[in-house]
Amino acid sequence: MANQFMTTGEIADELGVTRDRVEYIVRSRKIGPVSRAGNYRLFNAEQVEQIRQVNANPGSPGTPAAPTHAAGTGGTTN
């Protein structure tokens, strides 16, 4: 990590995930940005590491798993 801070997009690129995945982790774990630059939220190295850990271990205790959608749950019945 060359910069002191990273944006959501930079974190997503580094982890090889979507921005939505990073946003989900940030919201569910209540990881707030340390700073803002215009419309960009900036995260420090400690916060990036928290996001990295949650992404690497989505099923660990206290870590919410990514939302999933079950097949066939469109609301219709036969």
C-alpha atoms as a PDB file:
ATOM      1  CA  MET A   1       0.000   0.000   0.000  1.00  0.00           C
ATOM      2  CA  ALA A   2       1.915   3.017  -1.256  1.00  0.00           C
ATOM      3  CA  ASN A   3      -0.519   5.696  -0.065  1.00  0.00           C
ATOM      4  CA  GLN A   4      -1.362   6.444   3.532  1.00  0.00           C
ATOM      5  CA  PHE A   5      -5.086   6.113   2.732  1.00  0.00           C
ATOM      6  CA  MET A   6      -7.123   4.042   0.286  1.00  0.00           C
ATOM      7  CA  THR A   7     -10.547   4.530  -1.274  1.00  0.00           C
ATOM      8  CA  THR A   8     -13.228   1.847  -1.508  1.00  0.00           C
ATOM      9  CA  GLY A   9     -12.346   1.272  -5.165  1.00  0.00           C
ATOM     10  CA  GLU A  10      -8.647   0.909  -4.428  1.00  0.00           C
ATOM     11  CA  ILE A  11      -9.388  -1.597  -1.663  1.00  0.00           C
ATOM     12  CA  ALA A  12     -11.659  -3.573  -3.995  1.00  0.00           C
ATOM     13  CA  ASP A  13      -8.994  -3.637  -6.703  1.00  0.00           C
ATOM     14  CA  GLU A  14      -6.335  -4.793  -4.252  1.00  0.00           C
ATOM     15  CA  LEU A  15      -8.534  -7.577  -2.871  1.00  0.00           C
ATOM     16  CA  GLY A  16      -9.878  -8.623  -6.270  1.00  0.00           C
ATOM     17  CA  VAL A  17     -13.509  -8.116  -5.229  1.00  0.00           C
ATOM     18  CA  THR A  18     -16.273  -5.733  -6.230  1.00  0.00           C
ATOM     19  CA  ARG A  19     -16.831  -2.346  -4.642  1.00  0.00           C
ATOM     20  CA  ASP A  20     -20.201  -3.664  -3.486  1.00  0.00           C
ATOM     21  CA  ARG A  21     -18.437  -6.392  -1.497  1.00  0.00           C
ATOM     22  CA  VAL A  22     -16.194  -3.818   0.201  1.00  0.00           C
ATOM     23  CA  GLU A  23     -19.221  -1.592   0.901  1.00  0.00           C
ATOM     24  CA  TYR A  24     -21.055  -4.563   2.412  1.00  0.00           C
ATOM     25  CA  ILE A  25     -18.133  -5.349   4.721  1.00  0.00           C
ATOM     26  CA  VAL A  26     -17.777  -1.690   5.730  1.00  0.00           C
ATOM     27  CA  ARG A  27     -21.509  -1.365   6.511  1.00  0.00           C
ATOM     28  CA  SER A  28     -21.907  -4.690   8.308  1.00  0.00           C
ATOM     29  CA  ARG A  29     -18.785  -4.239  10.436  1.00  0.00           C
ATOM     30  CA  LYS A  30     -19.365  -0.504  10.929  1.00  0.00           C
ATOM     31  CA  ILE A  31     -15.878   0.352   9.698  1.00  0.00           C
ATOM     32  CA  GLY A  32     -16.002   4.100   9.199  1.00  0.00           C
ATOM     33  CA  PRO A  33     -13.651   6.110   7.036  1.00  0.00           C
ATOM     34  CA  VAL A  34     -10.983   8.121   8.804  1.00  0.00           C
ATOM     35  CA  SER A  35     -11.244  10.961   6.351  1.00  0.00           C
ATOM     36  CA  ARG A  36     -13.029  12.253   3.287  1.00  0.00           C
ATOM     37  CA  ALA A  37     -11.733  13.834   0.126  1.00  0.00           C
ATOM     38  CA  GLY A  38     -14.664  15.188  -1.832  1.00  0.00           C
ATOM     39  CA  ASN A  39     -17.017  12.258  -2.401  1.00  0.00           C
ATOM     40  CA  TYR A  40     -14.318   9.689  -1.558  1.00  0.00           C
ATOM     41  CA  ARG A  41     -14.142   7.956   1.789  1.00  0.00           C
ATOM     42  CA  LEU A  42     -10.590   7.230   2.862  1.00  0.00           C
ATOM     43  CA  PHE A  43      -9.516   4.261   4.975  1.00  0.00           C
ATOM     44  CA  ASN A  44      -6.224   3.885   6.841  1.00  0.00           C
ATOM     45  CA  ALA A  45      -4.001   0.794   6.864  1.00  0.00           C
ATOM     46  CA  GLU A  46      -5.624  -0.630  10.010  1.00  0.00           C
ATOM     47  CA  GLN A  47      -9.095  -0.378   8.510  1.00  0.00           C
ATOM     48  CA  VAL A  48      -7.931  -1.881   5.217  1.00  0.00           C
ATOM     49  CA  GLU A  49      -6.526  -4.812   7.185  1.00  0.00           C
ATOM     50  CA  GLN A  50      -9.889  -5.251   8.971  1.00  0.00           C
ATOM     51  CA  ILE A  51     -11.658  -5.333   5.607  1.00  0.00           C
ATOM     52  CA  ARG A  52      -9.062  -7.781   4.270  1.00  0.00           C
ATOM     53  CA  GLN A  53      -9.545 -10.112   7.269  1.00  0.00           C
ATOM     54  CA  VAL A  54     -13.343 -10.102   6.998  1.00  0.00           C
ATOM     55  CA  ASN A  55     -13.120 -10.802   3.264  1.00  0.00           C
ATOM     56  CA  ALA A  56     -10.671 -13.670   3.813  1.00  0.00           C
ATOM     57  CA  ASN A  57     -12.769 -15.255   6.595  1.00  0.00           C
ATOM     58  CA  PRO A  58     -16.422 -14.492   5.807  1.00  0.00           C
ATOM     59  CA  GLY A  59     -17.749 -17.304   8.000  1.00  0.00           C
ATOM     60  CA  SER A  60     -15.683 -16.666  11.120  1.00  0.00           C
ATOM     61  CA  PRO A  61     -17.527 -15.897  14.380  1.00  0.00           C
ATOM     62  CA  GLY A  62     -18.739 -12.332  14.535  1.00  0.00           C
ATOM     63  CA  THR A  63     -18.129 -11.865  10.830  1.00  0.00           C
ATOM     64  CA  PRO A  64     -21.218 -11.623   8.656  1.00  0.00           C
ATOM     65  CA  ALA A  65     -21.183 -13.738   5.542  1.00  0.00           C
ATOM     66  CA  ALA A  66     -21.976 -12.168   2.204  1.00  0.00           C
ATOM     67  CA  PRO A  67     -25.687 -12.142   1.446  1.00  0.00           C
ATOM     68  CA  THR A  68     -26.866 -15.038  -0.662  1.00  0.00           C
ATOM     69  CA  HIS A  69     -30.047 -15.580  -2.638  1.00  0.00           C
ATOM     70  CA  ALA A  70     -31.587 -19.010  -2.672  1.00  0.00           C
ATOM     71  CA  ALA A  71     -32.701 -20.360  -6.011  1.00  0.00           C
ATOM     72  CA  GLY A  72     -36.405 -20.569  -6.562  1.00  0.00           C
ATOM     73  CA  THR A  73     -37.390 -17.928  -4.017  1.00  0.00           C
ATOM     74  CA  GLY A  74     -39.163 -15.677  -6.471  1.00  0.00           C
ATOM     75  CA  GLY A  75     -42.354 -15.746  -4.444  1.00  0.00           C
ATOM     76  CA  THR A  76     -44.393 -18.023  -6.688  1.00  0.00           C
ATOM     77  CA  THR A  77     -45.711 -21.393  -5.635  1.00  0.00           C
ATOM     78  CA  ASN A  78     -47.130 -24.322  -7.567  1.00  0.00           C
END
